Amino acid sequence: MTHAHPHDHARHHGHAHPHGHSHGSTSPHPAQITHWSILRMTVPARLSAALAVSACLWAVVWLAMR
């Protein structure tokens, strides 16, 4: 016994935009204001952030090994 049921492939594959867009389908998304960006950080600030992230990851590894 077979039965038919509708499929909305656009909804499952991300082609439908229920919230609507104000730009055309061929144009990129408009720029949005960012509150934080690693590209705006100075080199010493980037290095400090990288060291902090590295220290946190090593802390996770150390705690997992205990």
N, C-alpha and C. Protein backbone atom coordinates (compact mmCIF):
# COMPACT_ATOMS: atom_id res chain seq x y z
N MET A 1 0.85 -1.17 0.00
CA MET A 1 0.00 0.00 0.00
C MET A 1 0.89 1.24 0.00
N THR A 2 0.63 2.16 -0.88
CA THR A 2 1.42 3.39 -0.95
C THR A 2 0.53 4.58 -0.64
N HIS A 3 1.15 5.63 -0.18
CA HIS A 3 0.41 6.86 0.08
C HIS A 3 1.27 8.05 -0.34
N ALA A 4 0.62 9.11 -0.67
CA ALA A 4 1.31 10.32 -1.12
C ALA A 4 1.30 11.34 0.01
N HIS A 5 2.39 12.02 0.14
CA HIS A 5 2.45 13.12 1.09
C HIS A 5 3.34 14.22 0.50
N PRO A 6 2.93 15.46 0.67
CA PRO A 6 3.68 16.56 0.05
C PRO A 6 5.01 16.81 0.75
N HIS A 7 5.97 17.25 -0.03
CA HIS A 7 7.27 17.63 0.50
C HIS A 7 7.55 19.07 0.15
N ASP A 8 8.01 19.83 1.10
CA ASP A 8 8.43 21.20 0.85
C ASP A 8 9.95 21.22 0.89
N HIS A 9 10.58 20.91 -0.25
CA HIS A 9 12.03 20.80 -0.29
C HIS A 9 12.72 22.13 -0.03
N ALA A 10 12.11 23.23 -0.40
CA ALA A 10 12.73 24.54 -0.17
C ALA A 10 12.88 24.78 1.33
N ARG A 11 11.91 24.36 2.11
CA ARG A 11 11.97 24.55 3.55
C ARG A 11 13.07 23.69 4.17
N HIS A 12 13.26 22.49 3.68
CA HIS A 12 14.24 21.58 4.25
C HIS A 12 15.66 21.92 3.82
N HIS A 13 15.84 22.61 2.73
CA HIS A 13 17.18 22.89 2.24
C HIS A 13 17.58 24.34 2.41
N GLY A 14 16.86 25.10 3.21
CA GLY A 14 17.24 26.46 3.53
C GLY A 14 16.98 27.47 2.43
N HIS A 15 16.10 27.16 1.47
CA HIS A 15 15.85 28.10 0.39
C HIS A 15 14.73 29.07 0.72
N ALA A 16 13.94 28.74 1.71
CA ALA A 16 12.84 29.63 2.07
C ALA A 16 13.30 30.55 3.19
N HIS A 17 12.89 31.77 3.14
CA HIS A 17 13.26 32.75 4.16
C HIS A 17 11.98 33.31 4.77
N PRO A 18 11.51 32.69 5.85
CA PRO A 18 10.23 33.13 6.41
C PRO A 18 10.28 34.54 6.98
N HIS A 19 11.48 35.03 7.34
CA HIS A 19 11.56 36.36 7.93
C HIS A 19 11.65 37.45 6.87
N GLY A 20 11.84 37.09 5.63
CA GLY A 20 11.88 38.07 4.54
C GLY A 20 13.22 38.75 4.46
N HIS A 21 13.59 39.16 3.27
CA HIS A 21 14.84 39.85 3.04
C HIS A 21 14.56 41.15 2.31
N SER A 22 15.34 42.17 2.61
CA SER A 22 15.13 43.45 1.97
C SER A 22 16.06 43.65 0.78
N HIS A 23 16.86 42.65 0.46
CA HIS A 23 17.76 42.75 -0.68
C HIS A 23 17.43 41.66 -1.69
N GLY A 24 17.90 41.83 -2.91
CA GLY A 24 17.62 40.86 -3.95
C GLY A 24 18.38 39.57 -3.74
N SER A 25 17.98 38.53 -4.44
CA SER A 25 18.61 37.23 -4.26
C SER A 25 20.03 37.19 -4.80
N THR A 26 20.39 38.13 -5.68
CA THR A 26 21.75 38.11 -6.24
C THR A 26 22.70 39.05 -5.51
N SER A 27 22.18 39.90 -4.65
CA SER A 27 23.06 40.82 -3.92
C SER A 27 23.39 40.25 -2.55
N PRO A 28 24.55 40.60 -2.01
CA PRO A 28 24.93 40.07 -0.69
C PRO A 28 24.13 40.73 0.42
N HIS A 29 24.22 40.15 1.59
CA HIS A 29 23.57 40.74 2.75
C HIS A 29 24.18 42.11 3.03
N PRO A 30 23.40 43.06 3.47
CA PRO A 30 23.96 44.37 3.80
C PRO A 30 24.87 44.27 5.02
N ALA A 31 25.83 45.17 5.09
CA ALA A 31 26.77 45.17 6.21
C ALA A 31 26.02 45.44 7.50
N GLN A 32 26.46 44.78 8.57
CA GLN A 32 25.86 44.98 9.87
C GLN A 32 26.91 45.53 10.82
N ILE A 33 26.47 46.30 11.78
CA ILE A 33 27.38 46.87 12.77
C ILE A 33 27.86 45.77 13.69
N THR A 34 29.18 45.68 13.87
CA THR A 34 29.73 44.70 14.79
C THR A 34 30.20 45.42 16.05
N HIS A 35 29.93 44.80 17.18
CA HIS A 35 30.35 45.38 18.44
C HIS A 35 31.78 44.99 18.77
N TRP A 36 32.23 43.87 18.20
CA TRP A 36 33.56 43.38 18.48
C TRP A 36 34.08 42.67 17.25
N SER A 37 35.33 42.89 16.93
CA SER A 37 35.94 42.21 15.80
C SER A 37 37.41 42.02 16.09
N ILE A 38 37.92 40.82 15.83
CA ILE A 38 39.33 40.56 16.04
C ILE A 38 40.18 41.36 15.05
N LEU A 39 39.59 41.74 13.92
CA LEU A 39 40.32 42.51 12.92
C LEU A 39 40.58 43.95 13.38
N ARG A 40 39.79 44.43 14.32
CA ARG A 40 39.97 45.79 14.84
C ARG A 40 40.92 45.84 16.03
N MET A 41 41.34 44.69 16.52
CA MET A 41 42.23 44.64 17.68
C MET A 41 43.67 44.92 17.25
N THR A 42 44.44 45.49 18.16
CA THR A 42 45.85 45.69 17.89
C THR A 42 46.57 44.35 17.97
N VAL A 43 47.78 44.30 17.45
CA VAL A 43 48.54 43.05 17.46
C VAL A 43 48.79 42.56 18.89
N PRO A 44 49.23 43.43 19.83
CA PRO A 44 49.39 42.94 21.21
C PRO A 44 48.09 42.41 21.82
N ALA A 45 46.97 43.05 21.49
CA ALA A 45 45.69 42.58 22.02
C ALA A 45 45.33 41.22 21.42
N ARG A 46 45.63 41.03 20.13
CA ARG A 46 45.37 39.72 19.50
C ARG A 46 46.22 38.64 20.14
N LEU A 47 47.50 38.95 20.36
CA LEU A 47 48.38 37.97 21.00
C LEU A 47 47.91 37.64 22.41
N SER A 48 47.48 38.65 23.14
CA SER A 48 46.97 38.41 24.50
C SER A 48 45.73 37.54 24.47
N ALA A 49 44.84 37.81 23.52
CA ALA A 49 43.62 37.00 23.40
C ALA A 49 43.97 35.57 23.03
N ALA A 50 44.93 35.40 22.12
CA ALA A 50 45.33 34.05 21.72
C ALA A 50 45.95 33.30 22.90
N LEU A 51 46.78 33.98 23.69
CA LEU A 51 47.37 33.34 24.87
C LEU A 51 46.30 32.97 25.89
N ALA A 52 45.30 33.82 26.07
CA ALA A 52 44.23 33.53 27.01
C ALA A 52 43.41 32.32 26.56
N VAL A 53 43.11 32.26 25.29
CA VAL A 53 42.35 31.11 24.76
C VAL A 53 43.18 29.85 24.89
N SER A 54 44.47 29.95 24.58
CA SER A 54 45.35 28.79 24.70
C SER A 54 45.43 28.30 26.15
N ALA A 55 45.55 29.24 27.08
CA ALA A 55 45.61 28.86 28.50
C ALA A 55 44.33 28.16 28.94
N CYS A 56 43.20 28.66 28.47
CA CYS A 56 41.92 28.02 28.82
C CYS A 56 41.84 26.61 28.25
N LEU A 57 42.27 26.44 27.02
CA LEU A 57 42.23 25.10 26.41
C LEU A 57 43.18 24.15 27.13
N TRP A 58 44.37 24.64 27.50
CA TRP A 58 45.29 23.79 28.24
C TRP A 58 44.73 23.43 29.62
N ALA A 59 44.00 24.35 30.23
CA ALA A 59 43.36 24.06 31.52
C ALA A 59 42.34 22.95 31.36
N VAL A 60 41.59 22.96 30.27
CA VAL A 60 40.61 21.89 30.01
C VAL A 60 41.34 20.57 29.84
N VAL A 61 42.43 20.57 29.08
CA VAL A 61 43.20 19.34 28.89
C VAL A 61 43.76 18.85 30.22
N TRP A 62 44.30 19.76 31.02
CA TRP A 62 44.88 19.38 32.31
C TRP A 62 43.82 18.79 33.22
N LEU A 63 42.63 19.42 33.24
CA LEU A 63 41.56 18.89 34.08
C LEU A 63 41.06 17.54 33.58
N ALA A 64 41.05 17.33 32.29
CA ALA A 64 40.61 16.05 31.73
C ALA A 64 41.61 14.94 32.04
N MET A 65 42.89 15.29 32.16
CA MET A 65 43.92 14.30 32.42
C MET A 65 43.98 13.90 33.89
N ARG A 66 43.43 14.70 34.77
CA ARG A 66 43.49 14.41 36.20
C ARG A 66 42.66 13.20 36.57
